[in-house]
């Protein structure tokens, strides 16, 4: 018996170490993913002077990047489940690195737009693949997803600040070159340190944590379509436009200060996700989801009316709601979806969420040109209201299922 225990312990230690290394790369990839996709929204402020074009004209160049960010989530999730999640993540690192180099070397705006579209295509790999890998390997889902969300949030937060510094010190092209080198070097390390997982594709769990009746599952799926679309629009309108909102509402401030303030504001999202990692272990997910949706709506409405220094607090409140809902959203999907299908389910979710990101960029350009950020944020508040309605409907639908499950003794996990 002692030999069996010792053997089991000897096998568990390397497996745990391998899981930690893999999760470390997944968390780092989340930070990189959000960082690289948001380089252009900060760089574009400086490009106004370089090319003599308006913000509305230049920000529209990023539309193809965000559309690709959504569209290619579908094939990425499917390939990962059928082939290899690990190899798809390696493709993410190298593809982003090469695309960023293409953007840095772009001789004109058309080539820049093409390079950004390629960046969106490779960046699309992370969410359906990385999230499924994390849920599969994590021992405490709530805290692991929360910390992973913090990493993504920090990528968003530092994108504005670091990009502004790089653009000011070594030019806008340098703002693409430095992260390109980081991506490629990380990809090399990833292939050396994380083992291939192609042998796992046929043995993944087929049963979700909580089963739903067919009609409930179908209705929840339809509501999640609404949630993915509305959450995607709110998320991308606010995060893409945030540096420019700060720039306009505060008045005459430098690009470096704009980037720094945007970073501080977005850091509040990290705090929200850390808190959410604890809250999902103490409160019913469906109720928490609806509460966070209301917070997000209130933050966006406040930002629509805030001016001067108050805008910083209003945007921080909106960001708290926006990032808190991401963590709860992932937990809800993990709870009602089997591991064998998670890559594809997350692919559909992120396909919809990020597909509308292209529409979000175009919407910013259109609305800003007609009514400034007053109009942009007012429309965003209406979209956030749709998110509230959908989450409330899900809370009502699954409440009975969760109560029934709670009344039945569960086997030890």
Foldseek 3Di string as FASTA:
>chain_A
DVVVVVVVVVVVVVVLVLLVVLLVLLLLLLLLLLLLLQLQLLQLVVVCVVVVDDSLVQLLLLLLLLLLLQQLLQVLLVCCLQFNLLVLVLQLLLQLLVLLLQLLPDPDSVSNSVSSNSNSNSSSNNFLRSLLSQLVRDPQQLQSLLSSLLSNLLSLLVSQQVSLVQCVPPRNSSSSNVSSVVSNVSSVVSVVSHDTDRVCSVPFFAAFLAEDPPVLVVLLVVLLLLLLQLLLLLVLLCSSCQLVLCDVQADDDDSNVSSNLSSVLSSLLSVLSNVLSVVVVPDPLLVVLLVLLVQLLQLLVQCLPDGHPVNSVSSSSNSSSSSSNVSSVSVVCRRHGTSSCSSNVSSNSSSNSSSCSSVSSNLQSVQCVPPNVNRNSVVSSVSSVSNSVSSVVSSVSCVVSVVVVVVDDDDDD
